Protein backbone atom coordinates (compact mmCIF):
# COMPACT_ATOMS: atom_id res chain seq x y z
CA MET A 1 -2.65 -8.67 35.41
CA ALA A 2 -5.70 -6.98 36.81
CA MET A 3 -7.82 -8.61 34.11
CA ALA A 4 -6.45 -12.06 34.92
CA ALA A 5 -7.26 -11.56 38.58
CA ALA A 6 -10.74 -10.37 37.78
CA ALA A 7 -11.32 -13.34 35.52
CA GLY A 8 -10.02 -15.75 38.15
CA ASP A 9 -12.56 -14.40 40.63
CA GLY A 10 -15.35 -14.99 38.12
CA ALA A 11 -15.95 -11.29 37.45
CA ALA A 12 -17.36 -10.28 34.11
CA SER A 13 -15.85 -6.81 33.79
CA GLU A 14 -15.09 -5.57 30.30
CA PRO A 15 -11.41 -5.18 29.35
CA GLU A 16 -10.31 -1.64 28.43
CA LEU A 17 -8.75 -1.25 25.01
CA VAL A 18 -5.02 -0.72 24.95
CA SER A 19 -3.92 2.83 24.23
CA ILE A 20 -0.84 3.55 22.13
CA PRO A 21 0.51 7.02 22.93
CA ALA A 22 2.56 9.28 20.69
CA THR A 23 5.90 8.97 22.47
CA PRO A 24 9.38 8.76 21.02
CA HIS A 25 10.67 5.30 20.19
CA GLY A 26 13.37 3.72 22.28
CA LEU A 27 12.15 5.09 25.59
CA SER A 28 11.91 2.79 28.56
CA THR A 29 8.79 2.23 30.59
CA PRO A 30 8.73 4.01 33.98
CA GLU A 31 10.12 1.93 36.79
CA GLY A 32 7.57 -0.03 38.73
CA ALA A 33 4.96 0.20 35.96
CA ALA A 34 3.06 -2.84 34.80
CA THR A 35 4.08 -3.83 31.27
CA PRO A 36 2.14 -6.86 30.04
CA THR A 37 3.23 -8.08 26.64
CA GLY A 38 1.67 -10.41 24.15
CA ALA A 39 3.67 -13.46 25.21
CA GLY A 40 4.20 -12.50 28.83
CA GLY A 41 0.58 -11.56 29.35
CA GLY A 42 -0.64 -14.86 27.94
CA GLY A 43 1.90 -16.84 29.92
CA GLY A 44 0.89 -15.04 33.12
CA VAL A 45 -2.72 -15.93 32.60
CA ALA A 46 -1.94 -19.55 31.89
CA GLY A 47 0.55 -19.81 34.73
CA GLY A 48 -1.89 -18.34 37.19
CA SER A 49 -4.40 -21.02 36.33
CA ARG A 50 -2.18 -24.12 36.36
CA GLY A 51 -2.52 -24.52 40.08
CA LYS A 52 -6.21 -25.18 39.68
CA GLY A 53 -7.77 -28.35 38.42
CA ALA A 54 -8.02 -28.73 34.68
CA GLY A 55 -11.77 -28.92 34.80
CA THR A 56 -12.54 -26.28 37.46
CA PRO A 57 -14.88 -23.40 36.51
CA GLY A 58 -12.16 -20.86 37.27
CA ARG A 59 -9.75 -22.56 34.85
CA ARG A 60 -12.37 -22.62 32.11
CA VAL A 61 -13.20 -18.94 32.62
CA VAL A 62 -9.53 -17.95 32.50
CA GLU A 63 -8.80 -20.05 29.41
CA GLY A 64 -11.91 -18.76 27.67
CA LEU A 65 -10.96 -15.16 28.40
CA ARG A 66 -7.40 -15.81 27.28
CA GLY A 67 -8.54 -17.33 23.99
CA TYR A 68 -10.91 -14.41 23.36
CA LEU A 69 -8.25 -11.82 24.01
CA GLU A 70 -5.74 -13.62 21.82
CA ASP A 71 -8.31 -13.86 19.02
CA VAL A 72 -8.85 -10.12 18.98
CA GLY A 73 -5.19 -9.27 19.53
CA HIS A 74 -5.77 -7.56 22.85
CA LEU A 75 -2.59 -8.64 24.61
CA THR A 76 -0.30 -5.80 23.51
CA ARG A 77 2.22 -3.79 25.46
CA LEU A 78 0.89 -1.02 27.67
CA ASP A 79 2.64 2.32 28.18
CA PRO A 80 1.66 4.03 31.43
CA ARG A 81 2.83 7.41 30.12
CA ASP A 82 -0.45 7.64 28.22
CA ALA A 83 -2.14 8.52 31.51
CA TRP A 84 0.26 11.43 31.99
CA LEU A 85 -0.53 13.34 28.80
CA PRO A 86 -3.26 15.99 28.37
CA VAL A 87 -5.09 14.25 25.53
CA THR A 88 -5.42 10.86 27.24
CA GLU A 89 -5.08 11.80 30.91
CA SER A 90 -8.84 11.64 31.43
CA ARG A 91 -10.99 8.91 29.86
CA GLY A 92 -14.32 10.24 31.14
CA GLY A 93 -15.61 11.64 27.85
CA ASN A 94 -19.02 10.90 26.38
CA ALA A 95 -21.21 11.80 23.40
CA ARG A 96 -22.02 15.24 24.83
CA TYR A 97 -18.36 16.10 25.26
CA ALA A 98 -17.70 14.86 21.72
CA ALA A 99 -20.42 17.16 20.42
CA PHE A 100 -19.03 20.14 22.37
CA HIS A 101 -15.44 19.59 21.21
CA SER A 102 -16.39 18.83 17.60
CA LEU A 103 -18.57 21.92 17.38
CA ASN A 104 -15.89 24.14 18.90
CA ALA A 105 -13.21 22.72 16.61
CA GLY A 106 -15.35 22.67 13.46
CA LEU A 107 -17.05 26.08 13.54
CA GLY A 108 -15.17 29.35 13.79
CA PHE A 109 -14.32 32.66 12.22
CA GLN A 110 -13.60 30.99 8.85
CA ALA A 111 -17.35 30.64 8.38
CA LEU A 112 -17.69 34.42 8.11
CA LEU A 113 -15.50 34.38 4.99
CA LEU A 114 -17.73 32.00 2.99
CA PRO A 115 -19.64 34.73 1.09
CA LEU A 116 -16.31 35.72 -0.47
CA ALA A 117 -16.22 32.35 -2.24
CA PHE A 118 -19.46 33.19 -4.04
CA LEU A 119 -17.80 36.23 -5.64
CA GLY A 120 -15.80 33.94 -7.90
CA LEU A 121 -18.25 31.03 -8.12
CA GLY A 122 -21.67 32.67 -8.35
CA TRP A 123 -24.91 31.31 -6.91
CA SER A 124 -25.09 27.88 -8.51
CA TRP A 125 -21.48 26.75 -8.29
CA GLY A 126 -21.09 28.35 -4.88
CA ILE A 127 -23.94 26.31 -3.37
CA ILE A 128 -22.88 23.13 -5.22
CA SER A 129 -19.25 23.46 -4.06
CA LEU A 130 -20.28 24.11 -0.47
CA THR A 131 -22.61 21.10 -0.45
CA ILE A 132 -20.05 18.73 -1.96
CA ALA A 133 -17.33 19.90 0.44
CA TYR A 134 -19.65 19.44 3.43
CA PHE A 135 -20.53 15.82 2.67
CA TRP A 136 -16.96 15.04 1.59
CA GLN A 137 -15.48 16.17 4.89
CA LEU A 138 -18.30 14.44 6.80
CA TYR A 139 -17.33 11.17 5.11
CA THR A 140 -13.64 11.59 5.94
CA LEU A 141 -14.58 12.39 9.54
CA TRP A 142 -16.50 9.11 9.68
CA ILE A 143 -13.39 7.34 8.37
CA LEU A 144 -11.24 8.81 11.14
CA VAL A 145 -13.77 7.84 13.80
CA LYS A 146 -13.81 4.25 12.52
CA LEU A 147 -10.02 4.00 12.18
CA HIS A 148 -9.44 5.12 15.77
CA GLU A 149 -9.97 1.48 16.80
CA ALA A 150 -9.40 -0.20 13.45
CA VAL A 151 -6.98 -2.73 14.96
CA PRO A 152 -8.63 -4.62 17.84
CA GLY A 153 -6.85 -3.90 21.09
CA ARG A 154 -5.27 -0.65 19.86
CA ARG A 155 -6.38 2.96 19.95
CA TYR A 156 -4.75 5.51 17.69
CA ASN A 157 -5.12 8.56 19.89
CA ARG A 158 -3.48 11.11 17.63
CA TYR A 159 -3.57 11.88 13.92
CA VAL A 160 0.17 11.29 13.51
CA GLU A 161 -0.12 7.85 15.14
CA LEU A 162 -2.77 6.77 12.64
CA ALA A 163 -0.73 8.17 9.73
CA GLN A 164 2.29 6.16 10.89
CA ALA A 165 0.20 3.00 11.20
CA ALA A 166 -1.20 3.49 7.69
CA PHE A 167 1.81 4.79 5.74
CA GLY A 168 4.75 3.57 7.78
CA GLU A 169 6.65 5.24 10.58
CA LYS A 170 8.83 7.59 8.55
CA LEU A 171 6.47 8.39 5.69
CA GLY A 172 3.51 8.85 8.06
CA MET A 173 5.50 11.27 10.19
CA TRP A 174 6.67 13.17 7.12
CA LEU A 175 3.17 13.45 5.65
CA ALA A 176 1.22 14.30 8.80
CA LEU A 177 3.54 16.13 11.19
CA PHE A 178 3.82 19.51 9.43
CA PRO A 179 0.12 19.83 8.50
CA THR A 180 -1.09 18.95 11.99
CA ILE A 181 1.41 21.26 13.67
CA TYR A 182 0.42 24.09 11.34
CA LEU A 183 -3.30 23.43 11.92
CA SER A 184 -2.72 23.65 15.68
CA ALA A 185 -0.04 26.30 16.10
CA GLY A 186 -1.00 28.25 12.96
CA THR A 187 -4.63 28.37 14.00
CA ALA A 188 -3.62 29.57 17.46
CA THR A 189 -1.64 32.42 15.88
CA ALA A 190 -4.58 33.30 13.61
CA LEU A 191 -6.92 33.28 16.62
CA ILE A 192 -4.68 35.81 18.38
CA LEU A 193 -4.85 38.09 15.34
CA VAL A 194 -8.62 37.75 14.88
CA GLY A 195 -9.37 37.88 18.59
CA GLY A 196 -7.17 40.91 19.24
CA GLU A 197 -8.53 42.88 16.27
CA THR A 198 -12.11 42.01 17.22
CA MET A 199 -11.48 43.17 20.79
CA LYS A 200 -10.27 46.47 19.35
CA LEU A 201 -13.41 46.72 17.20
CA PHE A 202 -15.58 45.94 20.24
CA PHE A 203 -13.88 48.73 22.16
CA GLN A 204 -14.45 51.20 19.31
CA ILE A 205 -18.14 50.29 19.05
CA VAL A 206 -18.77 50.53 22.79
CA CYS A 207 -16.71 53.68 23.34
CA GLY A 208 -17.84 55.41 20.14
CA PRO A 209 -16.30 58.64 18.87
CA ILE A 210 -15.18 59.56 22.39
CA CYS A 211 -12.26 57.11 22.16
CA SER A 212 -11.24 57.88 18.58
CA PRO A 213 -8.39 57.36 17.94
CA SER A 214 -8.10 54.29 20.18
CA PRO A 215 -5.68 54.80 23.08
CA ILE A 216 -4.73 51.10 22.89
CA THR A 217 -2.76 49.85 19.88
CA THR A 218 -3.51 46.65 18.00
CA VAL A 219 -0.43 44.91 19.41
CA GLU A 220 -1.60 45.73 22.93
CA TRP A 221 -4.97 44.16 22.12
CA TYR A 222 -3.07 41.06 20.93
CA LEU A 223 -1.34 41.01 24.32
CA VAL A 224 -4.64 41.30 26.20
CA PHE A 225 -6.15 38.43 24.20
CA THR A 226 -3.06 36.23 24.67
CA SER A 227 -3.00 36.84 28.41
CA LEU A 228 -6.62 35.73 28.72
CA ALA A 229 -5.95 32.67 26.56
CA VAL A 230 -2.91 31.69 28.65
CA VAL A 231 -4.94 31.90 31.87
CA LEU A 232 -7.60 29.60 30.41
CA SER A 233 -4.96 27.20 29.10
CA GLN A 234 -4.06 26.14 32.65
CA LEU A 235 -6.94 23.65 32.61
CA PRO A 236 -5.09 20.32 32.71
CA ASN A 237 -6.50 18.11 29.96
CA LEU A 238 -8.85 17.86 27.00
CA ASN A 239 -11.82 16.65 29.02
CA SER A 240 -11.43 19.54 31.47
CA ILE A 241 -12.10 22.10 28.72
CA ALA A 242 -15.45 20.57 27.73
CA GLY A 243 -17.22 23.54 29.31
CA LEU A 244 -15.09 25.96 27.31
CA SER A 245 -15.85 23.99 24.15
CA LEU A 246 -19.56 24.31 24.89
CA ILE A 247 -19.13 28.08 25.26
CA GLY A 248 -17.07 28.23 22.07
CA GLY A 249 -19.60 26.26 20.06
CA ALA A 250 -22.58 28.19 21.44
CA THR A 251 -20.98 31.58 20.77
CA ALA A 252 -20.05 30.53 17.22
CA ILE A 253 -23.66 29.53 16.52
CA MET A 254 -24.90 32.81 17.96
CA TYR A 255 -22.58 35.15 16.07
CA CYS A 256 -23.04 33.26 12.79
CA THR A 257 -26.82 33.50 13.20
CA MET A 258 -26.71 37.15 14.24
CA THR A 259 -24.51 38.22 11.33
CA TRP A 260 -26.69 36.75 8.59
CA ILE A 261 -29.98 37.77 10.23
CA LEU A 262 -28.80 41.34 10.76
CA SER A 263 -27.48 41.45 7.19
CA ILE A 264 -30.64 40.26 5.44
CA SER A 265 -32.95 42.30 7.68
CA GLN A 266 -31.35 45.58 6.58
CA PRO A 267 -31.75 47.21 3.13
CA ARG A 268 -29.18 46.00 0.64
CA PRO A 269 -26.63 48.45 -0.82
CA PRO A 270 -28.18 50.09 -3.92
CA THR A 271 -25.38 48.99 -6.27
CA VAL A 272 -25.28 45.35 -5.17
CA SER A 273 -24.58 42.86 -7.98
CA TYR A 274 -24.44 39.07 -8.16
CA ASP A 275 -22.54 38.63 -11.39
CA PRO A 276 -19.37 36.55 -10.85
CA VAL A 277 -16.20 38.62 -11.00
CA ARG A 278 -14.74 38.47 -14.51
CA SER A 279 -10.98 38.48 -15.01
CA ALA A 280 -9.02 39.83 -17.92
CA SER A 281 -7.08 36.60 -18.61
CA PHE A 282 -7.78 32.89 -18.35
CA GLY A 283 -4.98 32.40 -15.83
CA THR A 284 -6.35 35.11 -13.55
CA SER A 285 -9.84 33.64 -13.82
CA LEU A 286 -8.56 30.13 -13.06
CA PHE A 287 -6.66 31.15 -9.94
CA SER A 288 -9.59 33.28 -8.79
CA THR A 289 -11.80 30.21 -8.99
CA LEU A 290 -9.23 28.13 -7.12
CA ASN A 291 -9.06 30.80 -4.44
CA ALA A 292 -12.85 30.68 -4.07
CA LEU A 293 -12.80 26.88 -3.78
CA GLY A 294 -10.03 27.21 -1.21
CA ILE A 295 -12.21 29.48 0.94
CA VAL A 296 -14.93 26.81 0.83
CA ALA A 297 -12.49 24.02 1.73
CA PHE A 298 -10.81 25.95 4.54
CA ALA A 299 -14.18 26.63 6.20
CA PHE A 300 -14.20 22.97 7.28
CA ARG A 301 -11.71 22.35 10.05
CA GLY A 302 -11.17 20.15 13.07
CA HIS A 303 -10.29 16.79 11.48
CA ASN A 304 -6.80 17.02 12.95
CA LEU A 305 -8.47 16.88 16.39
CA ALA A 306 -11.02 14.10 15.79
CA LEU A 307 -8.82 11.26 17.07
CA GLU A 308 -7.76 13.28 20.12
CA ILE A 309 -11.39 13.97 21.00
CA GLN A 310 -12.26 10.28 20.67
CA ALA A 311 -9.26 9.36 22.82
CA THR A 312 -10.91 11.04 25.83
CA MET A 313 -13.64 8.36 25.93
CA PRO A 314 -13.58 5.00 27.68
CA SER A 315 -13.69 2.05 25.32
CA THR A 316 -14.40 -1.64 25.77
CA PHE A 317 -15.04 -4.40 23.26
CA LYS A 318 -18.75 -4.31 23.96
CA HIS A 319 -18.93 -0.51 24.11
CA PRO A 320 -16.33 0.92 21.70
CA ALA A 321 -15.61 4.63 21.74
CA HIS A 322 -16.57 5.17 18.12
CA VAL A 323 -20.28 4.86 18.98
CA PRO A 324 -20.60 7.93 21.28
CA MET A 325 -18.00 9.80 19.21
CA TRP A 326 -19.98 9.49 16.00
CA ARG A 327 -23.22 10.28 17.81
CA GLY A 328 -21.76 13.52 19.13
CA ALA A 329 -20.07 14.39 15.83
CA LYS A 330 -23.34 14.00 13.91
CA VAL A 331 -25.09 16.49 16.19
CA ALA A 332 -22.16 18.92 15.97
CA TYR A 333 -21.94 18.84 12.17
CA LEU A 334 -25.70 19.21 11.78
CA LEU A 335 -25.42 22.44 13.77
CA ILE A 336 -22.38 23.46 11.71
CA ALA A 337 -24.37 23.00 8.49
CA MET A 338 -27.19 25.09 9.94
CA CYS A 339 -24.67 27.91 10.38
CA LEU A 340 -22.46 27.67 7.30
CA PHE A 341 -25.13 27.56 4.61
CA PRO A 342 -27.18 30.55 5.91
CA VAL A 343 -24.00 32.62 6.38
CA ALA A 344 -22.78 31.88 2.85
CA VAL A 345 -26.14 32.36 1.11
CA GLY A 346 -27.46 35.18 3.31
CA GLY A 347 -24.19 37.08 3.27
CA TYR A 348 -23.88 36.93 -0.51
CA TRP A 349 -27.54 37.92 -0.94
CA ALA A 350 -27.10 40.92 1.35
CA TYR A 351 -23.83 42.29 -0.07
CA GLY A 352 -23.13 40.54 -3.38
CA ASN A 353 -19.93 41.71 -5.04
CA MET A 354 -19.60 44.50 -2.48
CA MET A 355 -18.54 42.03 0.22
CA PRO A 356 -15.31 43.40 1.79
CA PRO A 357 -12.24 41.14 2.12
CA GLY A 358 -12.77 40.87 5.87
CA GLY A 359 -15.98 38.88 5.45
CA MET A 360 -19.34 39.18 7.18
CA LEU A 361 -18.23 40.98 10.31
CA ALA A 362 -16.41 43.67 8.32
CA ALA A 363 -19.42 44.03 5.98
CA LEU A 364 -21.82 44.38 8.88
CA TYR A 365 -19.69 47.11 10.43
CA ALA A 366 -19.03 48.89 7.10
CA PHE A 367 -22.62 48.99 5.80
CA HIS A 368 -24.80 48.91 8.92
CA SER A 369 -22.82 50.50 11.73
CA HIS A 370 -25.15 53.54 11.57
CA ASP A 371 -28.53 51.83 11.23
CA THR A 372 -27.93 48.84 13.57
CA PRO A 373 -28.03 49.29 17.36
CA ARG A 374 -24.54 49.51 18.76
CA GLY A 375 -25.48 46.95 21.39
CA LEU A 376 -26.07 44.28 18.74
CA LEU A 377 -22.82 45.05 16.94
CA ALA A 378 -20.90 45.01 20.21
CA THR A 379 -22.54 41.72 21.24
CA THR A 380 -21.55 40.12 17.94
CA CYS A 381 -17.92 41.18 18.41
CA LEU A 382 -17.92 39.92 22.00
CA LEU A 383 -19.22 36.54 20.87
CA VAL A 384 -16.40 36.30 18.31
CA VAL A 385 -13.84 37.05 21.03
CA LEU A 386 -15.27 34.38 23.35
CA ASN A 387 -15.26 31.86 20.52
CA CYS A 388 -11.63 32.65 19.69
CA LEU A 389 -10.60 32.20 23.33
CA SER A 390 -12.35 28.82 23.48
CA SER A 391 -11.00 27.63 20.13
CA PHE A 392 -7.48 28.58 21.20
CA GLN A 393 -7.68 25.98 23.97
CA ILE A 394 -8.72 22.98 21.90
CA TYR A 395 -6.38 23.78 19.01
CA SER A 396 -3.45 24.23 21.39
CA MET A 397 -4.05 20.96 23.26
CA PRO A 398 -2.12 18.78 20.74
CA VAL A 399 0.88 21.11 21.10
CA PHE A 400 0.67 20.88 24.90
CA ASP A 401 0.46 17.11 24.51
CA SER A 402 3.62 17.06 22.37
CA PHE A 403 5.55 19.19 24.88
CA GLU A 404 4.59 16.92 27.74
CA ALA A 405 5.24 13.72 25.74
CA TYR A 406 8.80 14.91 25.15
CA TYR A 407 9.24 15.81 28.83
CA THR A 408 7.85 12.53 30.16
CA GLY A 409 9.89 10.59 27.63
CA ARG A 410 13.09 12.19 28.89
CA THR A 411 12.31 12.08 32.61
CA ASN A 412 10.03 9.03 32.98
CA ARG A 413 7.67 10.96 35.22
CA PRO A 414 4.58 13.11 34.68
CA CYS A 415 4.76 16.87 34.38
CA SER A 416 4.33 18.73 37.64
CA THR A 417 1.82 21.57 37.78
CA TRP A 418 4.46 24.27 37.46
CA VAL A 419 6.21 22.56 34.53
CA ARG A 420 2.89 22.24 32.73
CA SER A 421 2.15 25.92 33.39
CA VAL A 422 5.56 26.98 32.08
CA PHE A 423 5.00 25.02 28.85
CA ARG A 424 1.65 26.67 28.24
CA VAL A 425 2.72 30.20 29.09
CA PHE A 426 5.73 29.77 26.81
CA TYR A 427 3.57 28.51 23.95
CA GLY A 428 1.00 31.28 24.32
CA PHE A 429 3.52 34.09 24.21
CA LEU A 430 5.54 32.38 21.49
CA SER A 431 2.38 32.47 19.35
CA LEU A 432 2.01 36.16 20.21
CA PHE A 433 5.62 36.81 19.21
CA ILE A 434 5.10 35.07 15.85
CA SER A 435 1.92 37.05 15.13
CA VAL A 436 3.72 40.34 15.84
CA ALA A 437 7.07 39.46 14.27
CA LEU A 438 5.68 37.97 11.05
CA PRO A 439 2.60 39.99 10.12
CA PHE A 440 2.99 38.92 6.48
CA LEU A 441 2.09 35.30 7.32
CA SER A 442 -1.48 36.02 6.22
CA SER A 443 -0.09 36.41 2.68
CA LEU A 444 1.09 32.79 2.88
CA ALA A 445 -2.31 31.49 3.99
CA GLY A 446 -3.19 30.16 0.54
CA LEU A 447 0.09 28.31 0.16
CA LEU A 448 0.14 26.86 3.68
CA GLY A 449 -3.58 26.13 3.58
CA GLY A 450 -3.13 24.13 0.40
CA LEU A 451 -0.41 22.06 2.02
CA THR A 452 -2.68 21.20 4.97
CA LEU A 453 -5.79 20.41 2.92
CA PRO A 454 -5.03 16.64 2.63
CA VAL A 455 -5.48 16.26 6.40
CA THR A 456 -9.22 16.78 5.89
CA PHE A 457 -9.95 15.66 2.34
CA ALA A 458 -7.26 13.17 1.20
CA TYR A 459 -5.27 11.39 3.91
CA PRO A 460 -8.29 9.72 5.61
CA CYS A 461 -9.25 8.06 2.31
CA PHE A 462 -5.74 6.69 1.78
CA MET A 463 -5.62 5.58 5.42
CA TRP A 464 -8.84 3.60 4.94
CA ILE A 465 -7.32 1.80 1.95
CA ARG A 466 -4.09 1.02 3.79
CA VAL A 467 -5.66 -0.10 7.07
CA LYS A 468 -8.97 -1.66 6.03
CA LYS A 469 -7.70 -2.99 2.66
CA PRO A 470 -11.01 -3.02 0.76
CA GLU A 471 -11.27 -5.45 -2.13
CA LYS A 472 -9.69 -4.12 -5.30
CA PHE A 473 -12.08 -2.57 -7.80
CA SER A 474 -14.90 -2.59 -5.26
CA PHE A 475 -17.04 0.51 -4.71
CA SER A 476 -15.15 1.40 -1.51
CA TRP A 477 -11.82 0.98 -3.30
CA TYR A 478 -12.84 3.26 -6.18
CA LEU A 479 -14.47 5.82 -3.88
CA ASN A 480 -11.51 6.25 -1.55
CA TRP A 481 -8.92 6.26 -4.31
CA GLY A 482 -10.96 8.82 -6.24
CA LEU A 483 -11.55 11.15 -3.28
CA GLY A 484 -7.96 10.78 -2.08
CA LEU A 485 -6.45 11.62 -5.46
CA LEU A 486 -8.91 14.46 -6.01
CA GLY A 487 -8.10 15.92 -2.60
CA THR A 488 -4.39 15.71 -3.37
CA ALA A 489 -4.92 17.43 -6.71
CA PHE A 490 -6.87 20.23 -5.03
CA SER A 491 -4.09 20.59 -2.48
CA LEU A 492 -1.49 21.06 -5.21
CA ALA A 493 -3.76 23.45 -7.14
CA PHE A 494 -4.47 25.59 -4.06
CA SER A 495 -0.75 25.68 -3.23
CA LEU A 496 0.03 26.84 -6.77
CA GLY A 497 -2.74 29.42 -6.45
CA GLY A 498 -1.13 30.67 -3.25
CA VAL A 499 2.23 31.00 -4.99
CA TRP A 500 0.58 32.80 -7.91
CA SER A 501 -1.16 35.20 -5.51
CA ILE A 502 2.17 36.00 -3.83
CA VAL A 503 3.91 36.59 -7.16
CA SER A 504 1.11 38.65 -8.73
CA ASN A 505 0.29 40.79 -5.71
CA GLY A 506 3.77 40.97 -4.29
CA MET A 507 4.66 40.29 -0.68
CA LYS A 508 6.56 42.77 1.42
CA LEU A 509 8.53 41.17 4.22
CA LYS A 510 7.93 43.67 6.99
CA PHE A 511 9.07 42.19 10.27
CA PHE A 512 7.64 43.51 13.55
CA LYS A 513 5.27 45.89 11.74
CA PRO A 514 1.70 44.74 12.50
CA PRO A 515 -1.25 46.99 11.66
CA ASN A 516 -1.79 49.94 13.96
């Protein structure tokens, strides 16, 4: 209606793309809200212009605008609830915000585990695998950015929405819902574990032998970290945490750089070796290799948030949101590459097969806690904690969005401040409860990680085929089918490797018994 009025006055403002929110089907539009539809919207435009002469300039402008919008399929039904949800509440994003969010979502503590992959792959295959995985995930990220507005007049603001559009409502929900929930809620739980344990390590470094043993238990450090994360989670929407994402990305760059520089600047352990670990049987060797490839694949994260980040930007037909989104993502992933490759190569060069299971931070503390200034070690730990707090916010935002979508769908009104706060406090301490109650979840990381791998490496390729429909047997058709099937095969292989690891190593179900 507003567009018709603007056109009738001769204004040349650009129409905003329609946004399709992730809300349950069958819900009515809030009372009093404008709900233009394809037929109704067109009829309103035509009806508003019939009172004018057939040849007047205003009539020609209105008819021209109407024909243009119908050609691109713009006249679709609006849902005002989209403006009530945290992901799409603010449309003031830009390329800088996209870079901040993408960097915060794409670079984290998983990077410090990359040298472990080289134990099973060696120098050559380790570098080759890391390079292939980097460009593979960069390509699938580009696909997601393009598919955000693949249908003119529509914006797929959430990963599940795009999956439903590509694969069908039921199949898309079945394929995408569990992986995206795990990547959000599971990552939040992992961040509590890593953040709390790193806070404990920071305390031990700063306090020294005076505070040994630590007067604060690990669970209490989890509680401290969760409390801080819950306070920060009161920021209302995705755009409002852009500053936190900048802090998270900057701290990740700093601690990644500090860990590999401190590692290579110190003398290497005298018994360091670079020979790939040999296993007694072929099966053990195979699953060890799959585990190493899994570490490489899991270092790349954040694709489940790409559409949500792009949804925070304004978009018009002349200035679509994919342009600033891709510009910001390119900067972010260039910085990510500048961190991941030095950490992987420098860490393996410094420690070789003596790399502890905890990754770079554990190696730095184990081998150089006596010959590295305590201030540098403490600063590195503090940077990890700040990064975990910032990453918690962006990975939790889709869960907050789902809570509020359910609430607004049932009540037909936006969440009040106190309702929003209750949701976020509940979610934060529920994640804490899960991390304390189920400490053996880390043993399932390989299995669950394999099940979520298609979100990054496979589903985007299949979505491109379903939505864009490239010509059969063309290069694009072969490329996306090949990458999609290969990503699916890797997902199944990593899941089987996770099951094999559980069976071979055993898993003790110890509830409510986290490490001391």
